[in-house]
């Protein structure tokens, strides 16, 4: 049984470096999600008014909700992280829910979740060094006692692994279970499993990933 992303097409051989590379459904679904989010952002923000309409109300609610969550989790002084966290949340939510539209979620591919986790990992250490200075930040790895230095380093290296595998495992598990259900009862649309594995689990995993990213970055800067 094959659960790896399928290759939709290959890039032409005449393209330098990447010619002949297979483009998987992870990539094509990501392109679709990007296009939908870009179009939504353009349509919903091009005509803002003092008296908002329904669509503007939705956009303002999303933006205010993300800003409030960022401030409550990271602190008032870190409100500048809201745009990144909002972008991350919107992409993850769309990716996790794409299974509802008969698409393979990009987050069911370890390449996607690992890439997002590495971005968070780099942000943790970059902003930690920026806030404390390189010397002060590196000194924290030897606290509370120097003996714990190796364990603290291992713990930091485990962060992107735990973030990526948690998201990947939960989403891929839902894909596998839904595939098995459709294989057993192809004429039946299992609505309740879809509601759990695609909707509930998708929203929950988005919230967990974004919250952990905010908490890890915030802790590194304190």
N, C-alpha and C. Protein backbone atom coordinates (compact mmCIF):
# COMPACT_ATOMS: atom_id res chain seq x y z
N UNK A 1 0.84 -1.18 0.00
CA UNK A 1 0.00 0.00 0.00
C UNK A 1 0.89 1.25 0.00
N UNK A 2 0.69 2.16 -0.94
CA UNK A 2 1.54 3.33 -1.12
C UNK A 2 0.83 4.59 -0.66
N UNK A 3 1.44 5.26 0.32
CA UNK A 3 0.85 6.48 0.83
C UNK A 3 1.74 7.69 0.58
N UNK A 4 2.82 7.50 -0.16
CA UNK A 4 3.69 8.63 -0.50
C UNK A 4 3.00 9.53 -1.52
N UNK A 5 3.34 10.82 -1.54
CA UNK A 5 2.72 11.73 -2.52
C UNK A 5 2.99 11.27 -3.95
N UNK A 6 1.97 11.33 -4.78
CA UNK A 6 2.12 10.94 -6.19
C UNK A 6 2.78 12.06 -6.98
N UNK A 7 3.54 11.67 -8.00
CA UNK A 7 4.15 12.65 -8.89
C UNK A 7 3.16 13.00 -9.99
N UNK A 8 2.81 14.26 -10.10
CA UNK A 8 1.83 14.70 -11.09
C UNK A 8 2.45 14.92 -12.47
N UNK A 9 3.66 15.51 -12.48
CA UNK A 9 4.34 15.71 -13.76
C UNK A 9 5.81 16.00 -13.49
N UNK A 10 6.60 15.99 -14.56
CA UNK A 10 8.03 16.26 -14.45
C UNK A 10 8.36 17.58 -15.14
N UNK A 11 9.29 18.32 -14.55
CA UNK A 11 9.71 19.56 -15.15
C UNK A 11 10.52 19.27 -16.42
N UNK A 12 10.42 20.12 -17.44
CA UNK A 12 11.15 19.88 -18.70
C UNK A 12 12.65 19.78 -18.47
N UNK A 13 13.30 18.94 -19.26
CA UNK A 13 14.74 18.72 -19.11
C UNK A 13 15.57 19.96 -19.42
N UNK A 14 15.01 20.88 -20.21
CA UNK A 14 15.79 22.05 -20.60
C UNK A 14 15.92 23.08 -19.48
N UNK A 15 15.18 22.92 -18.38
CA UNK A 15 15.31 23.86 -17.26
C UNK A 15 16.58 23.54 -16.48
N UNK A 16 17.48 24.52 -16.30
CA UNK A 16 18.74 24.27 -15.60
C UNK A 16 18.52 23.76 -14.17
N UNK A 17 19.37 22.87 -13.76
CA UNK A 17 19.46 22.34 -12.39
C UNK A 17 18.26 21.46 -12.02
N UNK A 18 17.05 21.98 -12.16
CA UNK A 18 15.87 21.24 -11.69
C UNK A 18 15.13 20.53 -12.81
N UNK A 19 15.66 20.58 -14.03
CA UNK A 19 15.02 19.90 -15.14
C UNK A 19 14.89 18.41 -14.89
N UNK A 20 13.74 17.85 -15.16
CA UNK A 20 13.50 16.43 -14.93
C UNK A 20 13.01 16.09 -13.54
N UNK A 21 12.95 17.09 -12.67
CA UNK A 21 12.47 16.86 -11.30
C UNK A 21 10.97 16.61 -11.29
N UNK A 22 10.55 15.62 -10.52
CA UNK A 22 9.13 15.33 -10.42
C UNK A 22 8.41 16.29 -9.48
N UNK A 23 7.27 16.79 -9.90
CA UNK A 23 6.46 17.69 -9.08
C UNK A 23 5.33 16.87 -8.46
N UNK A 24 5.35 16.74 -7.15
CA UNK A 24 4.38 15.88 -6.46
C UNK A 24 3.09 16.62 -6.16
N UNK A 25 2.09 15.85 -5.72
CA UNK A 25 0.82 16.46 -5.36
C UNK A 25 0.94 17.37 -4.15
N UNK A 26 1.98 17.17 -3.33
CA UNK A 26 2.23 18.10 -2.23
C UNK A 26 2.48 19.50 -2.77
N UNK A 27 3.30 19.58 -3.81
CA UNK A 27 3.64 20.87 -4.40
C UNK A 27 2.43 21.48 -5.11
N UNK A 28 1.72 20.68 -5.89
CA UNK A 28 0.59 21.23 -6.64
C UNK A 28 -0.53 21.69 -5.70
N UNK A 29 -0.76 20.94 -4.63
CA UNK A 29 -1.77 21.36 -3.65
C UNK A 29 -1.34 22.64 -2.95
N UNK A 30 -0.06 22.75 -2.66
CA UNK A 30 0.46 23.97 -2.05
C UNK A 30 0.27 25.15 -2.99
N UNK A 31 0.48 24.95 -4.28
CA UNK A 31 0.25 26.02 -5.24
C UNK A 31 -1.21 26.46 -5.23
N UNK A 32 -2.11 25.49 -5.16
CA UNK A 32 -3.54 25.80 -5.12
C UNK A 32 -3.87 26.62 -3.87
N UNK A 33 -3.34 26.19 -2.72
CA UNK A 33 -3.58 26.89 -1.46
C UNK A 33 -3.04 28.31 -1.53
N UNK A 34 -1.83 28.47 -2.06
CA UNK A 34 -1.23 29.80 -2.22
C UNK A 34 -2.10 30.69 -3.09
N UNK A 35 -2.58 30.14 -4.20
CA UNK A 35 -3.42 30.92 -5.11
C UNK A 35 -4.71 31.35 -4.43
N UNK A 36 -5.34 30.43 -3.69
CA UNK A 36 -6.59 30.75 -3.00
C UNK A 36 -6.36 31.84 -1.96
N UNK A 37 -5.30 31.72 -1.17
CA UNK A 37 -5.03 32.71 -0.13
C UNK A 37 -4.68 34.07 -0.72
N UNK A 38 -3.93 34.07 -1.83
CA UNK A 38 -3.57 35.34 -2.47
C UNK A 38 -4.81 36.03 -3.03
N UNK A 39 -5.65 35.27 -3.70
CA UNK A 39 -6.88 35.84 -4.26
C UNK A 39 -7.79 36.34 -3.14
N UNK A 40 -7.92 35.55 -2.07
CA UNK A 40 -8.75 35.98 -0.93
C UNK A 40 -8.21 37.26 -0.32
N UNK A 41 -6.89 37.36 -0.15
CA UNK A 41 -6.29 38.56 0.43
C UNK A 41 -6.53 39.77 -0.47
N UNK A 42 -6.40 39.57 -1.79
CA UNK A 42 -6.59 40.68 -2.72
C UNK A 42 -8.05 41.15 -2.73
N UNK A 43 -8.96 40.21 -2.84
CA UNK A 43 -10.38 40.56 -2.95
C UNK A 43 -10.90 41.17 -1.65
N UNK A 44 -10.45 40.64 -0.53
CA UNK A 44 -11.01 41.07 0.76
C UNK A 44 -10.43 42.37 1.28
N UNK A 45 -9.31 42.81 0.73
CA UNK A 45 -8.65 44.01 1.27
C UNK A 45 -8.59 45.18 0.30
N UNK A 46 -9.07 45.03 -0.91
CA UNK A 46 -8.91 46.11 -1.88
C UNK A 46 -9.89 47.25 -1.68
N UNK A 47 -10.99 47.00 -0.96
CA UNK A 47 -11.99 48.06 -0.77
C UNK A 47 -12.43 48.13 0.68
N UNK A 48 -11.50 48.47 1.56
CA UNK A 48 -11.85 48.65 2.96
C UNK A 48 -12.65 49.94 3.14
N UNK A 49 -13.64 49.88 4.01
CA UNK A 49 -14.50 51.03 4.26
C UNK A 49 -14.58 51.31 5.76
N UNK A 50 -14.98 52.53 6.11
CA UNK A 50 -15.17 52.88 7.52
C UNK A 50 -16.29 52.05 8.14
N UNK A 51 -17.32 51.78 7.33
CA UNK A 51 -18.41 50.91 7.77
C UNK A 51 -18.20 49.56 7.07
N UNK A 52 -17.66 48.60 7.78
CA UNK A 52 -17.30 47.34 7.12
C UNK A 52 -18.50 46.51 6.68
N UNK A 53 -18.29 45.81 5.55
CA UNK A 53 -19.28 44.85 5.09
C UNK A 53 -18.98 43.49 5.68
N UNK A 54 -19.73 42.46 5.27
CA UNK A 54 -19.54 41.11 5.82
C UNK A 54 -18.12 40.57 5.63
N UNK A 55 -17.58 40.72 4.41
CA UNK A 55 -16.25 40.19 4.14
C UNK A 55 -15.18 40.94 4.93
N UNK A 56 -15.29 42.23 5.01
CA UNK A 56 -14.34 43.01 5.79
C UNK A 56 -14.42 42.66 7.27
N UNK A 57 -15.61 42.39 7.75
CA UNK A 57 -15.76 41.95 9.14
C UNK A 57 -15.03 40.65 9.40
N UNK A 58 -15.11 39.72 8.44
CA UNK A 58 -14.42 38.44 8.59
C UNK A 58 -12.91 38.65 8.64
N UNK A 59 -12.40 39.48 7.72
CA UNK A 59 -10.96 39.74 7.68
C UNK A 59 -10.49 40.41 8.96
N UNK A 60 -11.21 41.42 9.41
CA UNK A 60 -10.82 42.13 10.63
C UNK A 60 -10.88 41.21 11.85
N UNK A 61 -11.85 40.31 11.87
CA UNK A 61 -11.94 39.36 12.99
C UNK A 61 -10.74 38.42 13.00
N UNK A 62 -10.34 37.94 11.81
CA UNK A 62 -9.18 37.05 11.71
C UNK A 62 -7.92 37.77 12.17
N UNK A 63 -7.70 38.98 11.66
CA UNK A 63 -6.50 39.74 12.00
C UNK A 63 -6.46 40.07 13.50
N UNK A 64 -7.56 40.55 14.03
CA UNK A 64 -7.60 40.88 15.45
C UNK A 64 -7.42 39.64 16.33
N UNK A 65 -8.00 38.53 15.90
CA UNK A 65 -7.84 37.30 16.67
C UNK A 65 -6.40 36.84 16.72
N UNK A 66 -5.71 36.91 15.58
CA UNK A 66 -4.30 36.50 15.54
C UNK A 66 -3.44 37.45 16.36
N UNK A 67 -3.71 38.75 16.23
CA UNK A 67 -2.93 39.73 17.00
C UNK A 67 -3.14 39.54 18.50
N UNK A 68 -4.38 39.33 18.92
CA UNK A 68 -4.66 39.12 20.35
C UNK A 68 -4.01 37.85 20.86
N UNK A 69 -4.06 36.77 20.06
CA UNK A 69 -3.44 35.51 20.48
C UNK A 69 -1.94 35.66 20.61
N UNK A 70 -1.34 36.38 19.68
CA UNK A 70 0.11 36.60 19.72
C UNK A 70 0.51 37.39 20.95
N UNK A 71 -0.22 38.46 21.22
CA UNK A 71 0.09 39.30 22.38
C UNK A 71 -0.12 38.54 23.68
N UNK A 72 -1.21 37.79 23.78
CA UNK A 72 -1.50 37.04 25.00
C UNK A 72 -0.47 35.94 25.25
N UNK A 73 0.04 35.35 24.17
CA UNK A 73 0.97 34.24 24.31
C UNK A 73 2.42 34.70 24.46
N UNK A 74 2.80 35.70 23.66
CA UNK A 74 4.20 36.11 23.61
C UNK A 74 4.48 37.39 24.38
N UNK A 75 3.45 38.19 24.63
CA UNK A 75 3.66 39.46 25.31
C UNK A 75 3.46 40.63 24.38
N UNK A 76 3.15 41.78 24.96
CA UNK A 76 2.88 42.99 24.19
C UNK A 76 4.06 43.41 23.33
N UNK A 77 5.27 43.21 23.85
CA UNK A 77 6.47 43.64 23.14
C UNK A 77 6.79 42.76 21.93
N UNK A 78 6.09 41.65 21.77
CA UNK A 78 6.35 40.75 20.65
C UNK A 78 5.17 40.70 19.68
N UNK A 79 4.38 41.77 19.68
CA UNK A 79 3.22 41.82 18.78
C UNK A 79 3.64 41.80 17.31
N UNK A 80 4.90 42.15 17.04
CA UNK A 80 5.40 42.15 15.67
C UNK A 80 5.47 40.77 15.04
N UNK A 81 5.33 39.73 15.84
CA UNK A 81 5.34 38.37 15.30
C UNK A 81 3.98 37.97 14.73
N UNK A 82 2.97 38.79 14.95
CA UNK A 82 1.61 38.45 14.50
C UNK A 82 1.51 38.17 13.00
N UNK A 83 2.14 38.98 12.12
CA UNK A 83 2.03 38.68 10.69
C UNK A 83 2.57 37.30 10.31
N UNK A 84 3.73 36.94 10.89
CA UNK A 84 4.27 35.61 10.57
C UNK A 84 3.38 34.51 11.13
N UNK A 85 2.96 34.65 12.38
CA UNK A 85 2.12 33.63 12.98
C UNK A 85 0.77 33.53 12.26
N UNK A 86 0.26 34.66 11.80
CA UNK A 86 -0.99 34.63 11.04
C UNK A 86 -0.83 33.92 9.71
N UNK A 87 0.26 34.21 9.02
CA UNK A 87 0.54 33.52 7.75
C UNK A 87 0.70 32.03 7.96
N UNK A 88 1.44 31.66 9.00
CA UNK A 88 1.64 30.26 9.32
C UNK A 88 0.31 29.57 9.64
N UNK A 89 -0.53 30.23 10.42
CA UNK A 89 -1.81 29.66 10.81
C UNK A 89 -2.74 29.48 9.62
N UNK A 90 -2.81 30.49 8.75
CA UNK A 90 -3.69 30.40 7.59
C UNK A 90 -3.24 29.30 6.63
N UNK A 91 -1.93 29.21 6.41
CA UNK A 91 -1.44 28.16 5.51
C UNK A 91 -1.69 26.78 6.09
N UNK A 92 -1.36 26.60 7.36
CA UNK A 92 -1.55 25.28 7.98
C UNK A 92 -3.02 24.90 8.01
N UNK A 93 -3.88 25.85 8.32
CA UNK A 93 -5.31 25.56 8.36
C UNK A 93 -5.81 25.13 6.98
N UNK A 94 -5.42 25.88 5.95
CA UNK A 94 -5.84 25.53 4.59
C UNK A 94 -5.26 24.18 4.17
N UNK A 95 -3.99 23.94 4.52
CA UNK A 95 -3.35 22.67 4.16
C UNK A 95 -4.00 21.49 4.86
N UNK A 96 -4.25 21.64 6.16
CA UNK A 96 -4.85 20.54 6.92
C UNK A 96 -6.28 20.25 6.49
N UNK A 97 -7.01 21.29 6.07
CA UNK A 97 -8.41 21.10 5.68
C UNK A 97 -8.58 20.75 4.21
N UNK A 98 -7.48 20.72 3.45
CA UNK A 98 -7.60 20.44 2.02
C UNK A 98 -8.12 19.04 1.74
N UNK A 99 -8.00 18.14 2.73
CA UNK A 99 -8.55 16.79 2.55
C UNK A 99 -10.06 16.79 2.38
N UNK A 100 -10.72 17.82 2.88
CA UNK A 100 -12.18 17.93 2.71
C UNK A 100 -12.56 18.15 1.25
N UNK A 101 -11.59 18.59 0.44
CA UNK A 101 -11.85 18.87 -0.98
C UNK A 101 -11.16 17.85 -1.89
N UNK A 102 -10.99 16.64 -1.35
CA UNK A 102 -10.42 15.52 -2.11
C UNK A 102 -8.98 15.79 -2.54
N UNK A 103 -8.25 16.60 -1.79
CA UNK A 103 -6.83 16.84 -2.05
C UNK A 103 -6.00 16.20 -0.95
N UNK A 104 -4.79 15.82 -1.29
CA UNK A 104 -3.90 15.27 -0.27
C UNK A 104 -3.28 16.44 0.50
N UNK A 105 -3.47 16.52 1.81
CA UNK A 105 -2.91 17.63 2.58
C UNK A 105 -1.40 17.72 2.44
N UNK A 106 -0.85 18.88 2.13
CA UNK A 106 0.61 19.03 2.07
C UNK A 106 1.29 18.66 3.38
N UNK A 107 0.58 18.83 4.49
CA UNK A 107 1.16 18.51 5.80
C UNK A 107 1.21 17.01 6.06
N UNK A 108 0.69 16.20 5.13
CA UNK A 108 0.87 14.76 5.23
C UNK A 108 2.17 14.33 4.58
N UNK A 109 2.98 15.32 4.20
CA UNK A 109 4.31 15.10 3.63
C UNK A 109 5.33 15.65 4.61
N UNK A 110 6.27 14.82 5.03
CA UNK A 110 7.26 15.23 6.03
C UNK A 110 8.11 16.39 5.54
N UNK A 111 8.30 16.50 4.22
CA UNK A 111 9.08 17.62 3.68
C UNK A 111 8.46 18.96 4.06
N UNK A 112 7.13 19.03 4.00
CA UNK A 112 6.44 20.29 4.34
C UNK A 112 6.56 20.60 5.82
N UNK A 113 6.23 19.66 6.66
CA UNK A 113 6.25 19.92 8.10
C UNK A 113 7.67 20.17 8.61
N UNK A 114 8.64 19.47 8.03
CA UNK A 114 10.02 19.70 8.45
C UNK A 114 10.50 21.08 8.04
N UNK A 115 10.11 21.53 6.84
CA UNK A 115 10.50 22.87 6.39
C UNK A 115 9.93 23.94 7.32
N UNK A 116 8.65 23.81 7.68
CA UNK A 116 8.04 24.78 8.58
C UNK A 116 8.69 24.73 9.97
N UNK A 117 9.03 23.54 10.41
CA UNK A 117 9.68 23.39 11.72
C UNK A 117 11.08 24.00 11.73
N UNK A 118 11.79 23.87 10.63
CA UNK A 118 13.13 24.46 10.54
C UNK A 118 13.04 25.98 10.57
N UNK A 119 12.03 26.55 9.92
CA UNK A 119 11.83 28.01 9.98
C UNK A 119 11.62 28.45 11.42
N UNK A 120 10.78 27.72 12.15
CA UNK A 120 10.55 28.03 13.56
C UNK A 120 11.84 27.85 14.36
N UNK A 121 12.59 26.79 14.08
CA UNK A 121 13.84 26.50 14.79
C UNK A 121 14.85 27.63 14.59
N UNK A 122 14.98 28.09 13.34
CA UNK A 122 15.90 29.20 13.06
C UNK A 122 15.42 30.47 13.76
N UNK A 123 14.12 30.70 13.76
CA UNK A 123 13.57 31.89 14.42
C UNK A 123 13.84 31.87 15.92
N UNK A 124 13.71 30.70 16.52
CA UNK A 124 13.96 30.57 17.96
C UNK A 124 15.36 31.07 18.31
N UNK A 125 16.36 30.58 17.59
CA UNK A 125 17.74 30.91 17.94
C UNK A 125 18.16 32.29 17.44
N UNK A 126 17.62 32.71 16.31
CA UNK A 126 17.96 34.04 15.81
C UNK A 126 17.44 35.11 16.76
N UNK A 127 16.16 35.02 17.10
CA UNK A 127 15.59 36.04 17.97
C UNK A 127 16.09 35.91 19.41
N UNK A 128 16.45 34.69 19.81
CA UNK A 128 17.05 34.52 21.12
C UNK A 128 18.39 35.23 21.22
N UNK A 129 19.23 35.07 20.18
CA UNK A 129 20.52 35.76 20.15
C UNK A 129 20.35 37.26 20.02
N UNK A 130 19.34 37.67 19.26
CA UNK A 130 19.09 39.09 19.06
C UNK A 130 18.66 39.76 20.36
N UNK A 131 17.89 39.05 21.17
CA UNK A 131 17.40 39.61 22.43
C UNK A 131 18.44 39.59 23.54
N UNK A 132 19.26 38.55 23.60
CA UNK A 132 20.20 38.37 24.71
C UNK A 132 21.65 38.61 24.33
N UNK A 133 21.92 38.71 23.04
CA UNK A 133 23.31 38.73 22.60
C UNK A 133 23.79 37.31 22.42
N UNK A 134 24.76 37.13 21.53
CA UNK A 134 25.22 35.77 21.23
C UNK A 134 25.79 35.10 22.46
N UNK A 135 26.65 35.81 23.21
CA UNK A 135 27.27 35.23 24.39
C UNK A 135 26.25 34.89 25.46
N UNK A 136 25.35 35.81 25.73
CA UNK A 136 24.34 35.57 26.76
C UNK A 136 23.41 34.44 26.39
N UNK A 137 23.08 34.32 25.10
CA UNK A 137 22.17 33.26 24.67
C UNK A 137 22.85 31.90 24.78
N UNK A 138 24.09 31.81 24.29
CA UNK A 138 24.80 30.53 24.35
C UNK A 138 25.09 30.12 25.80
N UNK A 139 25.29 31.10 26.67
CA UNK A 139 25.53 30.80 28.08
C UNK A 139 24.34 30.08 28.70
N UNK A 140 23.13 30.37 28.19
CA UNK A 140 21.93 29.74 28.74
C UNK A 140 21.89 28.24 28.56
N UNK A 141 22.66 27.72 27.60
CA UNK A 141 22.68 26.27 27.39
C UNK A 141 23.41 25.55 28.51
N UNK A 142 24.22 26.27 29.27
CA UNK A 142 24.97 25.65 30.37
C UNK A 142 24.28 25.88 31.71
N UNK A 143 23.04 26.31 31.70
CA UNK A 143 22.31 26.56 32.94
C UNK A 143 21.28 25.46 33.16
N UNK A 144 20.96 25.12 34.41
CA UNK A 144 21.46 25.73 35.65
C UNK A 144 22.86 25.28 36.05
N UNK A 145 23.34 24.15 35.47
CA UNK A 145 24.70 23.72 35.74
C UNK A 145 25.35 23.30 34.42
N UNK A 146 26.67 23.52 34.26
CA UNK A 146 27.34 23.20 33.00
C UNK A 146 27.20 21.73 32.59
N UNK A 147 26.99 20.86 33.58
CA UNK A 147 26.86 19.43 33.31
C UNK A 147 25.70 19.14 32.35
N UNK A 148 24.70 20.02 32.35
CA UNK A 148 23.51 19.81 31.53
C UNK A 148 23.65 20.33 30.10
N UNK A 149 24.84 20.85 29.76
CA UNK A 149 25.04 21.40 28.42
C UNK A 149 24.69 20.41 27.31
N UNK A 150 25.20 19.17 27.31
CA UNK A 150 24.85 18.24 26.23
C UNK A 150 23.35 17.96 26.15
N UNK A 151 22.70 17.82 27.32
CA UNK A 151 21.26 17.54 27.32
C UNK A 151 20.47 18.72 26.78
N UNK A 152 20.89 19.94 27.13
CA UNK A 152 20.20 21.12 26.63
C UNK A 152 20.34 21.25 25.11
N UNK A 153 21.52 20.91 24.59
CA UNK A 153 21.73 20.97 23.14
C UNK A 153 20.87 19.94 22.44
N UNK A 154 20.85 18.72 22.99
CA UNK A 154 20.02 17.66 22.40
C UNK A 154 18.55 18.07 22.43
N UNK A 155 18.13 18.68 23.54
CA UNK A 155 16.74 19.12 23.65
C UNK A 155 16.38 20.16 22.59
N UNK A 156 17.32 21.08 22.31
CA UNK A 156 17.06 22.09 21.29
C UNK A 156 17.00 21.45 19.90
N UNK A 157 17.89 20.51 19.63
CA UNK A 157 17.89 19.85 18.32
C UNK A 157 16.64 19.00 18.12
N UNK A 158 16.04 18.57 19.22
CA UNK A 158 14.83 17.76 19.12
C UNK A 158 13.59 18.58 18.81
N UNK A 159 13.69 19.90 18.98
CA UNK A 159 12.52 20.76 18.78
C UNK A 159 11.94 20.66 17.37
N UNK A 160 12.74 20.85 16.30
CA UNK A 160 12.15 20.74 14.96
C UNK A 160 11.65 19.34 14.65
N UNK A 161 12.30 18.33 15.21
CA UNK A 161 11.85 16.95 14.98
C UNK A 161 10.48 16.71 15.60
N UNK A 162 10.32 17.15 16.85
CA UNK A 162 9.04 16.94 17.52
C UNK A 162 7.92 17.73 16.86
N UNK A 163 8.21 18.98 16.47
CA UNK A 163 7.21 19.80 15.80
C UNK A 163 6.76 19.18 14.48
N UNK A 164 7.74 18.77 13.69
CA UNK A 164 7.41 18.26 12.35
C UNK A 164 6.73 16.90 12.41
N UNK A 165 7.23 16.00 13.24
CA UNK A 165 6.66 14.66 13.28
C UNK A 165 5.28 14.64 13.94
N UNK A 166 5.03 15.54 14.88
CA UNK A 166 3.71 15.60 15.50
C UNK A 166 2.66 15.98 14.46
N UNK A 167 2.93 17.03 13.72
CA UNK A 167 1.98 17.48 12.69
C UNK A 167 1.87 16.46 11.58
N UNK A 168 3.01 15.98 11.09
CA UNK A 168 3.02 15.01 10.00
C UNK A 168 2.30 13.72 10.37
N UNK A 169 2.57 13.20 11.57
CA UNK A 169 1.97 11.94 11.98
C UNK A 169 0.47 12.02 12.12
N UNK A 170 -0.02 13.10 12.70
CA UNK A 170 -1.47 13.25 12.89
C UNK A 170 -2.20 13.40 11.57
N UNK A 171 -1.66 14.21 10.66
CA UNK A 171 -2.34 14.42 9.38
C UNK A 171 -2.23 13.19 8.50
N UNK A 172 -1.06 12.58 8.44
CA UNK A 172 -0.91 11.36 7.62
C UNK A 172 -1.78 10.24 8.17
N UNK A 173 -1.88 10.14 9.49
CA UNK A 173 -2.74 9.12 10.08
C UNK A 173 -4.18 9.26 9.62
N UNK A 174 -4.66 10.51 9.56
CA UNK A 174 -6.01 10.74 9.07
C UNK A 174 -6.16 10.36 7.61
N UNK A 175 -5.14 10.67 6.80
CA UNK A 175 -5.17 10.31 5.37
C UNK A 175 -5.25 8.80 5.20
N UNK A 176 -4.44 8.07 5.96
CA UNK A 176 -4.42 6.60 5.87
C UNK A 176 -5.76 6.01 6.28
N UNK A 177 -6.32 6.48 7.38
CA UNK A 177 -7.59 5.94 7.87
C UNK A 177 -8.72 6.23 6.87
N UNK A 178 -8.76 7.45 6.32
CA UNK A 178 -9.80 7.77 5.34
C UNK A 178 -9.64 6.94 4.08
N UNK A 179 -8.41 6.69 3.68
CA UNK A 179 -8.17 5.84 2.51
C UNK A 179 -8.68 4.43 2.75
N UNK A 180 -8.43 3.91 3.93
CA UNK A 180 -8.90 2.55 4.26
C UNK A 180 -10.43 2.50 4.32
N UNK A 181 -11.04 3.55 4.87
CA UNK A 181 -12.50 3.56 4.94
C UNK A 181 -13.12 3.59 3.55
N UNK A 182 -12.56 4.39 2.66
CA UNK A 182 -13.08 4.45 1.29
C UNK A 182 -12.81 3.15 0.54
N UNK A 183 -11.75 2.45 0.90
CA UNK A 183 -11.45 1.17 0.25
C UNK A 183 -12.44 0.10 0.68
N UNK A 184 -12.88 0.15 1.93
CA UNK A 184 -13.81 -0.85 2.45
C UNK A 184 -15.23 -0.55 1.99
N UNK A 185 -15.62 0.72 2.08
CA UNK A 185 -16.99 1.11 1.70
C UNK A 185 -16.93 2.24 0.67
N UNK A 186 -16.54 1.94 -0.56
CA UNK A 186 -16.34 3.00 -1.56
C UNK A 186 -17.60 3.79 -1.90
N UNK A 187 -18.76 3.19 -1.71
CA UNK A 187 -20.01 3.88 -2.05
C UNK A 187 -20.50 4.78 -0.93
N UNK A 188 -19.84 4.73 0.23
CA UNK A 188 -20.28 5.48 1.40
C UNK A 188 -19.34 6.66 1.64
N UNK A 189 -19.91 7.80 1.92
CA UNK A 189 -19.10 8.96 2.29
C UNK A 189 -19.07 9.04 3.81
N UNK A 190 -17.97 8.68 4.43
CA UNK A 190 -17.91 8.67 5.90
C UNK A 190 -17.80 10.08 6.46
N UNK A 191 -18.95 10.72 6.66
CA UNK A 191 -18.98 12.13 7.06
C UNK A 191 -18.34 12.35 8.42
N UNK A 192 -18.72 11.52 9.39
CA UNK A 192 -18.21 11.70 10.75
C UNK A 192 -16.68 11.56 10.81
N UNK A 193 -16.08 10.53 10.19
CA UNK A 193 -14.61 10.47 10.18
C UNK A 193 -13.98 11.69 9.51
N UNK A 194 -14.61 12.20 8.44
CA UNK A 194 -14.09 13.40 7.79
C UNK A 194 -14.13 14.58 8.75
N UNK A 195 -15.21 14.71 9.50
CA UNK A 195 -15.32 15.81 10.44
C UNK A 195 -14.23 15.76 11.49
N UNK A 196 -13.85 14.55 11.91
CA UNK A 196 -12.81 14.44 12.92
C UNK A 196 -11.42 14.57 12.33
N UNK A 197 -11.09 13.70 11.37
CA UNK A 197 -9.72 13.64 10.87
C UNK A 197 -9.34 14.85 10.02
N UNK A 198 -10.29 15.42 9.29
CA UNK A 198 -9.96 16.56 8.44
C UNK A 198 -10.27 17.89 9.12
N UNK A 199 -11.43 17.99 9.75
CA UNK A 199 -11.84 19.27 10.32
C UNK A 199 -11.29 19.47 11.73
N UNK A 200 -11.71 18.63 12.67
CA UNK A 200 -11.30 18.80 14.07
C UNK A 200 -9.78 18.66 14.24
N UNK A 201 -9.23 17.56 13.72
CA UNK A 201 -7.79 17.33 13.87
C UNK A 201 -7.00 18.39 13.12
N UNK A 202 -7.50 18.82 11.96
CA UNK A 202 -6.80 19.85 11.19
C UNK A 202 -6.71 21.16 11.94
N UNK A 203 -7.82 21.60 12.50
CA UNK A 203 -7.84 22.84 13.28
C UNK A 203 -6.98 22.71 14.53
N UNK A 204 -7.10 21.58 15.21
CA UNK A 204 -6.34 21.36 16.44
C UNK A 204 -4.84 21.36 16.19
N UNK A 205 -4.40 20.66 15.15
CA UNK A 205 -2.96 20.59 14.86
C UNK A 205 -2.42 21.94 14.41
N UNK A 206 -3.24 22.72 13.72
CA UNK A 206 -2.83 24.08 13.36
C UNK A 206 -2.59 24.90 14.61
N UNK A 207 -3.54 24.85 15.54
CA UNK A 207 -3.43 25.61 16.79
C UNK A 207 -2.21 25.18 17.59
N UNK A 208 -1.97 23.88 17.68
CA UNK A 208 -0.83 23.38 18.46
C UNK A 208 0.49 23.84 17.85
N UNK A 209 0.64 23.71 16.53
CA UNK A 209 1.90 24.08 15.89
C UNK A 209 2.17 25.57 16.07
N UNK A 210 1.17 26.40 15.85
CA UNK A 210 1.36 27.85 15.97
C UNK A 210 1.63 28.24 17.42
N UNK A 211 0.90 27.65 18.36
CA UNK A 211 1.12 27.97 19.77
C UNK A 211 2.52 27.57 20.22
N UNK A 212 2.97 26.38 19.83
CA UNK A 212 4.31 25.94 20.21
C UNK A 212 5.37 26.84 19.60
N UNK A 213 5.15 27.27 18.36
CA UNK A 213 6.11 28.18 17.72
C UNK A 213 6.20 29.48 18.52
N UNK A 214 5.06 30.02 18.92
CA UNK A 214 5.06 31.26 19.69
C UNK A 214 5.72 31.07 21.05
N UNK A 215 5.40 29.98 21.71
CA UNK A 215 5.96 29.73 23.05
C UNK A 215 7.47 29.54 22.98
N UNK A 216 7.96 28.75 22.03
CA UNK A 216 9.40 28.49 21.92
C UNK A 216 10.17 29.77 21.62
N UNK A 217 9.68 30.59 20.69
CA UNK A 217 10.35 31.83 20.34
C UNK A 217 10.34 32.79 21.52
N UNK A 218 9.19 32.88 22.18
CA UNK A 218 9.06 33.78 23.33
C UNK A 218 10.00 33.38 24.46
N UNK A 219 10.08 32.10 24.76
CA UNK A 219 10.95 31.61 25.82
C UNK A 219 12.44 31.89 25.50
N UNK A 220 12.79 31.73 24.23
CA UNK A 220 14.19 31.96 23.84
C UNK A 220 14.59 33.41 24.01
N UNK A 221 13.61 34.32 23.95
CA UNK A 221 13.92 35.75 24.06
C UNK A 221 13.87 36.27 25.48
N UNK A 222 13.40 35.46 26.41
CA UNK A 222 13.28 35.94 27.81
C UNK A 222 14.57 35.69 28.59
